[in-house]
PDB file of N, CA and C in Angstrom:
ATOM      1  N   MET A   1       0.838  -1.176   0.000  1.00  0.00           N
ATOM      2  CA  MET A   1       0.000   0.000   0.000  1.00  0.00           C
ATOM      3  C   MET A   1       0.891   1.251   0.000  1.00  0.00           C
ATOM      4  N   LYS A   2       0.551   2.211  -0.863  1.00  0.00           N
ATOM      5  CA  LYS A   2       1.346   3.435  -0.966  1.00  0.00           C
ATOM      6  C   LYS A   2       1.047   4.365   0.198  1.00  0.00           C
ATOM      7  N   ALA A   3       2.083   5.052   0.628  1.00  0.00           N
ATOM      8  CA  ALA A   3       1.908   6.079   1.657  1.00  0.00           C
ATOM      9  C   ALA A   3       1.310   7.316   0.995  1.00  0.00           C
ATOM     10  N   PRO A   4       0.414   8.033   1.665  1.00  0.00           N
ATOM     11  CA  PRO A   4      -0.160   9.241   1.062  1.00  0.00           C
ATOM     12  C   PRO A   4       0.914  10.295   0.841  1.00  0.00           C
ATOM     13  N   LYS A   5       0.741  11.054  -0.222  1.00  0.00           N
ATOM     14  CA  LYS A   5       1.687  12.129  -0.534  1.00  0.00           C
ATOM     15  C   LYS A   5       1.623  13.193   0.550  1.00  0.00           C
ATOM     16  N   PRO A   6       2.774  13.825   0.832  1.00  0.00           N
ATOM     17  CA  PRO A   6       2.760  14.906   1.832  1.00  0.00           C
ATOM     18  C   PRO A   6       1.835  16.028   1.373  1.00  0.00           C
ATOM     19  N   GLY A   7       1.056  16.550   2.287  1.00  0.00           N
ATOM     20  CA  GLY A   7       0.176  17.659   1.953  1.00  0.00           C
ATOM     21  C   GLY A   7      -1.162  17.237   1.372  1.00  0.00           C
ATOM     22  N   THR A   8      -1.348  15.949   1.076  1.00  0.00           N
ATOM     23  CA  THR A   8      -2.603  15.497   0.485  1.00  0.00           C
ATOM     24  C   THR A   8      -3.772  15.746   1.427  1.00  0.00           C
ATOM     25  N   TYR A   9      -3.573  15.459   2.709  1.00  0.00           N
ATOM     26  CA  TYR A   9      -4.634  15.682   3.686  1.00  0.00           C
ATOM     27  C   TYR A   9      -4.981  17.165   3.763  1.00  0.00           C
ATOM     28  N   GLN A  10      -3.957  18.022   3.799  1.00  0.00           N
ATOM     29  CA  GLN A  10      -4.195  19.467   3.870  1.00  0.00           C
ATOM     30  C   GLN A  10      -4.924  19.951   2.616  1.00  0.00           C
ATOM     31  N   GLN A  11      -4.554  19.405   1.453  1.00  0.00           N
ATOM     32  CA  GLN A  11      -5.214  19.807   0.216  1.00  0.00           C
ATOM     33  C   GLN A  11      -6.678  19.384   0.226  1.00  0.00           C
ATOM     34  N   ALA A  12      -6.951  18.176   0.711  1.00  0.00           N
ATOM     35  CA  ALA A  12      -8.335  17.696   0.777  1.00  0.00           C
ATOM     36  C   ALA A  12      -9.143  18.555   1.736  1.00  0.00           C
ATOM     37  N   LEU A  13      -8.549  18.926   2.850  1.00  0.00           N
ATOM     38  CA  LEU A  13      -9.221  19.772   3.828  1.00  0.00           C
ATOM     39  C   LEU A  13      -9.499  21.155   3.237  1.00  0.00           C
ATOM     40  N   ALA A  14      -8.525  21.702   2.528  1.00  0.00           N
ATOM     41  CA  ALA A  14      -8.702  23.016   1.904  1.00  0.00           C
ATOM     42  C   ALA A  14      -9.795  22.958   0.835  1.00  0.00           C
ATOM     43  N   ARG A  15      -9.839  21.871   0.074  1.00  0.00           N
ATOM     44  CA  ARG A  15     -10.886  21.719  -0.944  1.00  0.00           C
ATOM     45  C   ARG A  15     -12.269  21.646  -0.292  1.00  0.00           C
ATOM     46  N   GLN A  16     -12.362  20.911   0.808  1.00  0.00           N
ATOM     47  CA  GLN A  16     -13.640  20.803   1.510  1.00  0.00           C
ATOM     48  C   GLN A  16     -14.082  22.180   1.996  1.00  0.00           C
ATOM     49  N   ARG A  17     -13.159  22.931   2.568  1.00  0.00           N
ATOM     50  CA  ARG A  17     -13.488  24.274   3.053  1.00  0.00           C
ATOM     51  C   ARG A  17     -13.947  25.163   1.900  1.00  0.00           C
ATOM     52  N   ALA A  18     -13.207  25.111   0.796  1.00  0.00           N
ATOM     53  CA  ALA A  18     -13.552  25.935  -0.366  1.00  0.00           C
ATOM     54  C   ALA A  18     -14.922  25.545  -0.912  1.00  0.00           C
ATOM     55  N   GLN A  19     -15.193  24.258  -0.968  1.00  0.00           N
ATOM     56  CA  GLN A  19     -16.481  23.791  -1.472  1.00  0.00           C
ATOM     57  C   GLN A  19     -17.625  24.295  -0.583  1.00  0.00           C
ATOM     58  N   LEU A  20     -17.442  24.213   0.722  1.00  0.00           N
ATOM     59  CA  LEU A  20     -18.484  24.699   1.624  1.00  0.00           C
ATOM     60  C   LEU A  20     -18.670  26.206   1.509  1.00  0.00           C
ATOM     61  N   ILE A  21     -17.587  26.942   1.370  1.00  0.00           N
ATOM     62  CA  ILE A  21     -17.681  28.397   1.206  1.00  0.00           C
ATOM     63  C   ILE A  21     -18.446  28.730  -0.067  1.00  0.00           C
ATOM     64  N   MET A  22     -18.163  28.022  -1.147  1.00  0.00           N
ATOM     65  CA  MET A  22     -18.854  28.276  -2.410  1.00  0.00           C
ATOM     66  C   MET A  22     -20.345  27.924  -2.295  1.00  0.00           C
ATOM     67  N   GLN A  23     -20.655  26.874  -1.556  1.00  0.00           N
ATOM     68  CA  GLN A  23     -22.063  26.507  -1.354  1.00  0.00           C
ATOM     69  C   GLN A  23     -22.799  27.579  -0.561  1.00  0.00           C
ATOM     70  N   VAL A  24     -22.130  28.135   0.451  1.00  0.00           N
ATOM     71  CA  VAL A  24     -22.754  29.215   1.222  1.00  0.00           C
ATOM     72  C   VAL A  24     -22.935  30.434   0.332  1.00  0.00           C
ATOM     73  N   ARG A  25     -21.911  30.789  -0.422  1.00  0.00           N
ATOM     74  CA  ARG A  25     -21.972  31.977  -1.280  1.00  0.00           C
ATOM     75  C   ARG A  25     -23.049  31.848  -2.356  1.00  0.00           C
ATOM     76  N   SER A  26     -23.304  30.619  -2.796  1.00  0.00           N
ATOM     77  CA  SER A  26     -24.318  30.426  -3.832  1.00  0.00           C
ATOM     78  C   SER A  26     -25.709  30.180  -3.250  1.00  0.00           C
ATOM     79  N   GLY A  27     -25.838  30.195  -1.933  1.00  0.00           N
ATOM     80  CA  GLY A  27     -27.140  30.068  -1.292  1.00  0.00           C
ATOM     81  C   GLY A  27     -27.612  28.637  -1.102  1.00  0.00           C
ATOM     82  N   LEU A  28     -26.756  27.660  -1.343  1.00  0.00           N
ATOM     83  CA  LEU A  28     -27.140  26.262  -1.180  1.00  0.00           C
ATOM     84  C   LEU A  28     -27.031  25.799   0.266  1.00  0.00           C
ATOM     85  N   LEU A  29     -26.301  26.551   1.080  1.00  0.00           N
ATOM     86  CA  LEU A  29     -26.020  26.146   2.446  1.00  0.00           C
ATOM     87  C   LEU A  29     -25.951  27.398   3.311  1.00  0.00           C
ATOM     88  N   SER A  30     -26.335  27.285   4.555  1.00  0.00           N
ATOM     89  CA  SER A  30     -26.220  28.440   5.463  1.00  0.00           C
ATOM     90  C   SER A  30     -24.813  28.465   6.063  1.00  0.00           C
ATOM     91  N   ALA A  31     -24.392  29.648   6.497  1.00  0.00           N
ATOM     92  CA  ALA A  31     -23.086  29.778   7.140  1.00  0.00           C
ATOM     93  C   ALA A  31     -23.049  28.954   8.417  1.00  0.00           C
ATOM     94  N   GLN A  32     -24.177  28.912   9.117  1.00  0.00           N
ATOM     95  CA  GLN A  32     -24.257  28.134  10.355  1.00  0.00           C
ATOM     96  C   GLN A  32     -24.021  26.648  10.076  1.00  0.00           C
ATOM     97  N   GLU A  33     -24.627  26.132   8.997  1.00  0.00           N
ATOM     98  CA  GLU A  33     -24.466  24.707   8.645  1.00  0.00           C
ATOM     99  C   GLU A  33     -23.036  24.423   8.190  1.00  0.00           C
ATOM    100  N   ALA A  34     -22.457  25.318   7.407  1.00  0.00           N
ATOM    101  CA  ALA A  34     -21.073  25.125   6.962  1.00  0.00           C
ATOM    102  C   ALA A  34     -20.128  25.118   8.159  1.00  0.00           C
ATOM    103  N   ALA A  35     -20.346  26.030   9.088  1.00  0.00           N
ATOM    104  CA  ALA A  35     -19.508  26.085  10.294  1.00  0.00           C
ATOM    105  C   ALA A  35     -19.650  24.790  11.089  1.00  0.00           C
ATOM    106  N   ARG A  36     -20.876  24.281  11.188  1.00  0.00           N
ATOM    107  CA  ARG A  36     -21.096  23.030  11.918  1.00  0.00           C
ATOM    108  C   ARG A  36     -20.345  21.874  11.246  1.00  0.00           C
ATOM    109  N   GLN A  37     -20.417  21.796   9.902  1.00  0.00           N
ATOM    110  CA  GLN A  37     -19.733  20.721   9.180  1.00  0.00           C
ATOM    111  C   GLN A  37     -18.212  20.811   9.341  1.00  0.00           C
ATOM    112  N   LEU A  38     -17.728  22.041   9.464  1.00  0.00           N
ATOM    113  CA  LEU A  38     -16.280  22.237   9.618  1.00  0.00           C
ATOM    114  C   LEU A  38     -15.839  22.123  11.075  1.00  0.00           C
ATOM    115  N   GLY A  39     -16.793  22.105  11.994  1.00  0.00           N
ATOM    116  CA  GLY A  39     -16.464  22.006  13.406  1.00  0.00           C
ATOM    117  C   GLY A  39     -15.894  23.287  13.984  1.00  0.00           C
ATOM    118  N   ILE A  40     -16.376  24.421  13.473  1.00  0.00           N
ATOM    119  CA  ILE A  40     -15.897  25.728  13.923  1.00  0.00           C
ATOM    120  C   ILE A  40     -17.090  26.613  14.246  1.00  0.00           C
ATOM    121  N   SER A  41     -16.818  27.769  14.846  1.00  0.00           N
ATOM    122  CA  SER A  41     -17.901  28.715  15.122  1.00  0.00           C
ATOM    123  C   SER A  41     -18.263  29.464  13.834  1.00  0.00           C
ATOM    124  N   ARG A  42     -19.441  30.074  13.854  1.00  0.00           N
ATOM    125  CA  ARG A  42     -19.867  30.853  12.693  1.00  0.00           C
ATOM    126  C   ARG A  42     -18.929  32.038  12.474  1.00  0.00           C
ATOM    127  N   LYS A  43     -18.442  32.627  13.567  1.00  0.00           N
ATOM    128  CA  LYS A  43     -17.508  33.755  13.480  1.00  0.00           C
ATOM    129  C   LYS A  43     -16.220  33.321  12.766  1.00  0.00           C
ATOM    130  N   THR A  44     -15.704  32.152  13.141  1.00  0.00           N
ATOM    131  CA  THR A  44     -14.493  31.626  12.484  1.00  0.00           C
ATOM    132  C   THR A  44     -14.777  31.307  11.022  1.00  0.00           C
ATOM    133  N   TYR A  45     -15.968  30.786  10.734  1.00  0.00           N
ATOM    134  CA  TYR A  45     -16.324  30.508   9.345  1.00  0.00           C
ATOM    135  C   TYR A  45     -16.221  31.787   8.518  1.00  0.00           C
ATOM    136  N   TYR A  46     -16.809  32.876   9.029  1.00  0.00           N
ATOM    137  CA  TYR A  46     -16.784  34.130   8.274  1.00  0.00           C
ATOM    138  C   TYR A  46     -15.355  34.659   8.105  1.00  0.00           C
ATOM    139  N   LYS A  47     -14.501  34.430   9.085  1.00  0.00           N
ATOM    140  CA  LYS A  47     -13.095  34.833   8.959  1.00  0.00           C
ATOM    141  C   LYS A  47     -12.438  34.042   7.824  1.00  0.00           C
ATOM    142  N   TRP A  48     -12.697  32.731   7.792  1.00  0.00           N
ATOM    143  CA  TRP A  48     -12.139  31.889   6.730  1.00  0.00           C
ATOM    144  C   TRP A  48     -12.687  32.305   5.363  1.00  0.00           C
ATOM    145  N   GLU A  49     -13.966  32.630   5.326  1.00  0.00           N
ATOM    146  CA  GLU A  49     -14.588  33.037   4.066  1.00  0.00           C
ATOM    147  C   GLU A  49     -13.927  34.310   3.535  1.00  0.00           C
ATOM    148  N   ARG A  50     -13.712  35.285   4.430  1.00  0.00           N
ATOM    149  CA  ARG A  50     -13.046  36.533   3.999  1.00  0.00           C
ATOM    150  C   ARG A  50     -11.649  36.250   3.451  1.00  0.00           C
ATOM    151  N   ARG A  51     -10.895  35.398   4.168  1.00  0.00           N
ATOM    152  CA  ARG A  51      -9.547  35.057   3.703  1.00  0.00           C
ATOM    153  C   ARG A  51      -9.595  34.358   2.347  1.00  0.00           C
ATOM    154  N   ALA A  52     -10.538  33.433   2.183  1.00  0.00           N
ATOM    155  CA  ALA A  52     -10.655  32.686   0.929  1.00  0.00           C
ATOM    156  C   ALA A  52     -11.015  33.609  -0.229  1.00  0.00           C
ATOM    157  N   LEU A  53     -11.958  34.493  -0.009  1.00  0.00           N
ATOM    158  CA  LEU A  53     -12.365  35.409  -1.071  1.00  0.00           C
ATOM    159  C   LEU A  53     -11.248  36.391  -1.417  1.00  0.00           C
ATOM    160  N   ALA A  54     -10.529  36.856  -0.410  1.00  0.00           N
ATOM    161  CA  ALA A  54      -9.394  37.763  -0.674  1.00  0.00           C
ATOM    162  C   ALA A  54      -8.314  37.050  -1.476  1.00  0.00           C
ATOM    163  N   ALA A  55      -8.055  35.792  -1.142  1.00  0.00           N
ATOM    164  CA  ALA A  55      -7.044  35.020  -1.880  1.00  0.00           C
ATOM    165  C   ALA A  55      -7.495  34.778  -3.313  1.00  0.00           C
ATOM    166  N   MET A  56      -8.799  34.550  -3.516  1.00  0.00           N
ATOM    167  CA  MET A  56      -9.310  34.322  -4.858  1.00  0.00           C
ATOM    168  C   MET A  56      -9.178  35.593  -5.697  1.00  0.00           C
ATOM    169  N   VAL A  57      -9.505  36.735  -5.115  1.00  0.00           N
ATOM    170  CA  VAL A  57      -9.368  38.013  -5.825  1.00  0.00           C
ATOM    171  C   VAL A  57      -7.905  38.231  -6.215  1.00  0.00           C
ATOM    172  N   GLU A  58      -6.995  37.957  -5.282  1.00  0.00           N
ATOM    173  CA  GLU A  58      -5.562  38.113  -5.553  1.00  0.00           C
ATOM    174  C   GLU A  58      -5.117  37.173  -6.673  1.00  0.00           C
ATOM    175  N   ALA A  59      -5.566  35.926  -6.622  1.00  0.00           N
ATOM    176  CA  ALA A  59      -5.160  34.926  -7.615  1.00  0.00           C
ATOM    177  C   ALA A  59      -5.703  35.246  -8.998  1.00  0.00           C
ATOM    178  N   LEU A  60      -6.859  35.911  -9.060  1.00  0.00           N
ATOM    179  CA  LEU A  60      -7.484  36.185 -10.350  1.00  0.00           C
ATOM    180  C   LEU A  60      -7.182  37.582 -10.877  1.00  0.00           C
ATOM    181  N   GLY A  61      -6.327  38.315 -10.193  1.00  0.00           N
ATOM    182  CA  GLY A  61      -5.956  39.652 -10.655  1.00  0.00           C
ATOM    183  C   GLY A  61      -5.144  39.572 -11.946  1.00  0.00           C
ATOM    184  N   ASN A  62      -5.099  40.686 -12.655  1.00  0.00           N
ATOM    185  CA  ASN A  62      -4.326  40.740 -13.900  1.00  0.00           C
ATOM    186  C   ASN A  62      -2.850  40.534 -13.616  1.00  0.00           C
ATOM    187  N   ARG A  63      -2.221  39.796 -14.485  1.00  0.00           N
ATOM    188  CA  ARG A  63      -0.784  39.544 -14.374  1.00  0.00           C
ATOM    189  C   ARG A  63      -0.119  39.946 -15.674  1.00  0.00           C
ATOM    190  N   GLU A  64       1.178  40.145 -15.612  1.00  0.00           N
ATOM    191  CA  GLU A  64       1.912  40.491 -16.818  1.00  0.00           C
ATOM    192  C   GLU A  64       1.898  39.320 -17.777  1.00  0.00           C
ATOM    193  N   HIS A  65       1.905  39.644 -19.069  1.00  0.00           N
ATOM    194  CA  HIS A  65       1.914  38.615 -20.096  1.00  0.00           C
ATOM    195  C   HIS A  65       3.300  38.009 -20.223  1.00  0.00           C
ATOM    196  N   GLY A  66       3.366  36.808 -20.728  1.00  0.00           N
ATOM    197  CA  GLY A  66       4.644  36.163 -20.994  1.00  0.00           C
ATOM    198  C   GLY A  66       5.239  35.515 -19.770  1.00  0.00           C
ATOM    199  N   ARG A  67       6.464  35.136 -19.939  1.00  0.00           N
ATOM    200  CA  ARG A  67       7.170  34.469 -18.850  1.00  0.00           C
ATOM    201  C   ARG A  67       7.478  35.455 -17.731  1.00  0.00           C
ATOM    202  N   PRO A  68       7.503  34.956 -16.502  1.00  0.00           N
ATOM    203  CA  PRO A  68       7.895  35.856 -15.414  1.00  0.00           C
ATOM    204  C   PRO A  68       9.366  36.223 -15.565  1.00  0.00           C
ATOM    205  N   PRO A  69       9.748  37.396 -15.096  1.00  0.00           N
ATOM    206  CA  PRO A  69      11.151  37.794 -15.226  1.00  0.00           C
ATOM    207  C   PRO A  69      12.057  36.849 -14.435  1.00  0.00           C
ATOM    208  N   ARG A  70      13.226  36.638 -14.987  1.00  0.00           N
ATOM    209  CA  ARG A  70      14.187  35.784 -14.297  1.00  0.00           C
ATOM    210  C   ARG A  70      14.736  36.522 -13.079  1.00  0.00           C
ATOM    211  N   PRO A  71      14.991  35.789 -12.031  1.00  0.00           N
ATOM    212  CA  PRO A  71      15.582  36.464 -10.871  1.00  0.00           C
ATOM    213  C   PRO A  71      16.966  37.002 -11.234  1.00  0.00           C
ATOM    214  N   THR A  72      17.275  38.177 -10.738  1.00  0.00           N
ATOM    215  CA  THR A  72      18.550  38.788 -11.079  1.00  0.00           C
ATOM    216  C   THR A  72      19.631  38.331 -10.106  1.00  0.00           C
ATOM    217  N   ASP A  73      20.792  38.095 -10.667  1.00  0.00           N
ATOM    218  CA  ASP A  73      21.956  37.712  -9.874  1.00  0.00           C
ATOM    219  C   ASP A  73      22.993  38.807 -10.095  1.00  0.00           C
ATOM    220  N   PRO A  74      23.229  39.668  -9.109  1.00  0.00           N
ATOM    221  CA  PRO A  74      24.138  40.807  -9.290  1.00  0.00           C
ATOM    222  C   PRO A  74      25.521  40.381  -9.773  1.00  0.00           C
ATOM    223  N   GLU A  75      26.045  39.290  -9.241  1.00  0.00           N
ATOM    224  CA  GLU A  75      27.375  38.831  -9.652  1.00  0.00           C
ATOM    225  C   GLU A  75      27.371  38.415 -11.122  1.00  0.00           C
ATOM    226  N   LYS A  76      26.327  37.708 -11.534  1.00  0.00           N
ATOM    227  CA  LYS A  76      26.224  37.269 -12.924  1.00  0.00           C
ATOM    228  C   LYS A  76      26.094  38.468 -13.859  1.00  0.00           C
ATOM    229  N   GLU A  77      25.300  39.460 -13.463  1.00  0.00           N
ATOM    230  CA  GLU A  77      25.140  40.655 -14.288  1.00  0.00           C
ATOM    231  C   GLU A  77      26.452  41.422 -14.405  1.00  0.00           C
ATOM    232  N   ALA A  78      27.209  41.514 -13.325  1.00  0.00           N
ATOM    233  CA  ALA A  78      28.501  42.208 -13.355  1.00  0.00           C
ATOM    234  C   ALA A  78      29.464  41.482 -14.289  1.00  0.00           C
ATOM    235  N   LEU A  79      29.475  40.159 -14.215  1.00  0.00           N
ATOM    236  CA  LEU A  79      30.348  39.381 -15.106  1.00  0.00           C
ATOM    237  C   LEU A  79      29.923  39.539 -16.563  1.00  0.00           C
ATOM    238  N   GLN A  80      28.609  39.600 -16.813  1.00  0.00           N
ATOM    239  CA  GLN A  80      28.109  39.789 -18.180  1.00  0.00           C
ATOM    240  C   GLN A  80      28.561  41.144 -18.721  1.00  0.00           C
ATOM    241  N   ARG A  81      28.439  42.204 -17.900  1.00  0.00           N
ATOM    242  CA  ARG A  81      28.892  43.539 -18.333  1.00  0.00           C
ATOM    243  C   ARG A  81      30.395  43.535 -18.596  1.00  0.00           C
ATOM    244  N   GLN A  82      31.163  42.903 -17.715  1.00  0.00           N
ATOM    245  CA  GLN A  82      32.611  42.840 -17.886  1.00  0.00           C
ATOM    246  C   GLN A  82      32.963  42.102 -19.175  1.00  0.00           C
ATOM    247  N   SER A  83      32.259  41.018 -19.452  1.00  0.00           N
ATOM    248  CA  SER A  83      32.493  40.252 -20.675  1.00  0.00           C
ATOM    249  C   SER A  83      32.208  41.110 -21.912  1.00  0.00           C
ATOM    250  N   GLU A  84      31.108  41.864 -21.885  1.00  0.00           N
ATOM    251  CA  GLU A  84      30.760  42.732 -23.014  1.00  0.00           C
ATOM    252  C   GLU A  84      31.813  43.819 -23.215  1.00  0.00           C
ATOM    253  N   GLU A  85      32.300  44.396 -22.112  1.00  0.00           N
ATOM    254  CA  GLU A  85      33.341  45.431 -22.210  1.00  0.00           C
ATOM    255  C   GLU A  85      34.627  44.851 -22.801  1.00  0.00           C
ATOM    256  N   LEU A  86      34.999  43.652 -22.342  1.00  0.00           N
ATOM    257  CA  LEU A  86      36.214  43.023 -22.857  1.00  0.00           C
ATOM    258  C   LEU A  86      36.075  42.667 -24.337  1.00  0.00           C
ATOM    259  N   GLN A  87      34.896  42.234 -24.756  1.00  0.00           N
ATOM    260  CA  GLN A  87      34.678  41.935 -26.169  1.00  0.00           C
ATOM    261  C   GLN A  87      34.807  43.197 -27.014  1.00  0.00           C
ATOM    262  N   ALA A  88      34.278  44.318 -26.498  1.00  0.00           N
ATOM    263  CA  ALA A  88      34.389  45.583 -27.227  1.00  0.00           C
ATOM    264  C   ALA A  88      35.851  46.003 -27.336  1.00  0.00           C
ATOM    265  N   LYS A  89      36.630  45.851 -26.248  1.00  0.00           N
ATOM    266  CA  LYS A  89      38.060  46.197 -26.279  1.00  0.00           C
ATOM    267  C   LYS A  89      38.810  45.302 -27.259  1.00  0.00           C
ATOM    268  N   LEU A  90      38.477  44.025 -27.269  1.00  0.00           N
ATOM    269  CA  LEU A  90      39.122  43.091 -28.190  1.00  0.00           C
ATOM    270  C   LEU A  90      38.848  43.490 -29.640  1.00  0.00           C
ATOM    271  N   GLN A  91      37.616  43.888 -29.910  1.00  0.00           N
ATOM    272  CA  GLN A  91      37.267  44.310 -31.267  1.00  0.00           C
ATOM    273  C   GLN A  91      38.083  45.533 -31.675  1.00  0.00           C
ATOM    274  N   VAL A  92      38.258  46.487 -30.772  1.00  0.00           N
ATOM    275  CA  VAL A  92      39.053  47.685 -31.063  1.00  0.00           C
ATOM    276  C   VAL A  92      40.503  47.291 -31.315  1.00  0.00           C
ATOM    277  N   LEU A  93      41.053  46.391 -30.474  1.00  0.00           N
ATOM    278  CA  LEU A  93      42.440  45.966 -30.654  1.00  0.00           C
ATOM    279  C   LEU A  93      42.636  45.232 -31.973  1.00  0.00           C
ATOM    280  N   GLU A  94      41.674  44.403 -32.353  1.00  0.00           N
ATOM    281  CA  GLU A  94      41.786  43.685 -33.636  1.00  0.00           C
ATOM    282  C   GLU A  94      41.762  44.671 -34.796  1.00  0.00           C
ATOM    283  N   GLN A  95      40.897  45.679 -34.733  1.00  0.00           N
ATOM    284  CA  GLN A  95      40.849  46.690 -35.791  1.00  0.00           C
ATOM    285  C   GLN A  95      42.155  47.481 -35.829  1.00  0.00           C
ATOM    286  N   THR A  96      42.681  47.827 -34.653  1.00  0.00           N
ATOM    287  CA  THR A  96      43.952  48.564 -34.583  1.00  0.00           C
ATOM    288  C   THR A  96      45.067  47.740 -35.207  1.00  0.00           C
ATOM    289  N   THR A  97      45.115  46.455 -34.920  1.00  0.00           N
ATOM    290  CA  THR A  97      46.140  45.569 -35.475  1.00  0.00           C
ATOM    291  C   THR A  97      46.030  45.510 -36.997  1.00  0.00           C
ATOM    292  N   ARG A  98      44.808  45.385 -37.509  1.00  0.00           N
ATOM    293  CA  ARG A  98      44.624  45.349 -38.975  1.00  0.00           C
ATOM    294  C   ARG A  98      45.073  46.655 -39.624  1.00  0.00           C
ATOM    295  N   ILE A  99      44.774  47.775 -38.987  1.00  0.00           N
ATOM    296  CA  ILE A  99      45.177  49.078 -39.534  1.00  0.00           C
ATOM    297  C   ILE A  99      46.696  49.201 -39.524  1.00  0.00           C
ATOM    298  N   ARG A 100      47.342  48.790 -38.419  1.00  0.00           N
ATOM    299  CA  ARG A 100      48.806  48.848 -38.344  1.00  0.00           C
ATOM    300  C   ARG A 100      49.437  47.983 -39.418  1.00  0.00           C
ATOM    301  N   GLN A 101      48.904  46.782 -39.583  1.00  0.00           N
ATOM    302  CA  GLN A 101      49.453  45.881 -40.591  1.00  0.00           C
ATOM    303  C   GLN A 101      49.298  46.482 -41.986  1.00  0.00           C
ATOM    304  N   ALA A 102      48.161  47.116 -42.233  1.00  0.00           N
ATOM    305  CA  ALA A 102      47.939  47.732 -43.538  1.00  0.00           C
ATOM    306  C   ALA A 102      48.901  48.894 -43.753  1.00  0.00           C
ATOM    307  N   LEU A 103      49.203  49.652 -42.687  1.00  0.00           N
ATOM    308  CA  LEU A 103      50.116  50.786 -42.819  1.00  0.00           C
ATOM    309  C   LEU A 103      51.564  50.334 -42.951  1.00  0.00           C
ATOM    310  N   GLU A 104      51.911  49.183 -42.365  1.00  0.00           N
ATOM    311  CA  GLU A 104      53.282  48.686 -42.424  1.00  0.00           C
ATOM    312  C   GLU A 104      53.612  48.041 -43.766  1.00  0.00           C
ATOM    313  N   GLN A 105      52.632  47.640 -44.520  1.00  0.00           N
ATOM    314  CA  GLN A 105      52.884  47.018 -45.816  1.00  0.00           C
ATOM    315  C   GLN A 105      53.314  48.106 -46.790  1.00  0.00           C
ATOM    316  N   PRO A 106      54.351  47.815 -47.521  1.00  0.00           N
ATOM    317  CA  PRO A 106      54.787  48.835 -48.507  1.00  0.00           C
ATOM    318  C   PRO A 106      53.713  49.033 -49.571  1.00  0.00           C
ATOM    319  N   ASP A 107      53.587  50.247 -49.986  1.00  0.00           N
ATOM    320  CA  ASP A 107      52.594  50.566 -51.004  1.00  0.00           C
ATOM    321  C   ASP A 107      53.088  50.085 -52.341  1.00  0.00           C
ATOM    322  N   LYS A 108      52.406  49.162 -52.945  1.00  0.00           N
ATOM    323  CA  LYS A 108      52.841  48.544 -54.201  1.00  0.00           C
ATOM    324  C   LYS A 108      52.727  49.506 -55.366  1.00  0.00           C
ATOM    325  N   LYS A 109      51.878  50.500 -55.283  1.00  0.00           N
ATOM    326  CA  LYS A 109      51.692  51.442 -56.385  1.00  0.00           C
ATOM    327  C   LYS A 109      52.908  52.341 -56.549  1.00  0.00           C
ATOM    328  N   LYS A 110      53.608  52.644 -55.459  1.00  0.00           N
ATOM    329  CA  LYS A 110      54.745  53.551 -55.530  1.00  0.00           C
ATOM    330  C   LYS A 110      55.949  52.878 -56.163  1.00  0.00           C
ATOM    331  N   GLU A 111      56.039  51.576 -56.114  1.00  0.00           N
ATOM    332  CA  GLU A 111      57.219  50.885 -56.641  1.00  0.00           C
ATOM    333  C   GLU A 111      57.233  50.820 -58.084  1.00  0.00           C
TER     334      GLU A 111
END
């Protein structure tokens, strides 16, 4: 027999609570009956309902499109900038070398 996955009981309990809250909100069940089924006071039920509805509003809010931004790593960004600067310097040095070589070659037209 398999052992239950961690958190499965908590997830089932949360689903039961959410289902009862939705039944109360839709008028299928009274808050008093939902509280009784959950084994809590009506006051606690209403506290849970407020938390659940606030979490639902938060979860359904507009989000940015596309992939979430990657977490920034300051050290990695500094190394990336340093690499880009070094590549730019290398490009300048290569161009300087080509220009020097071109200037050092004797001009064939003058001969």
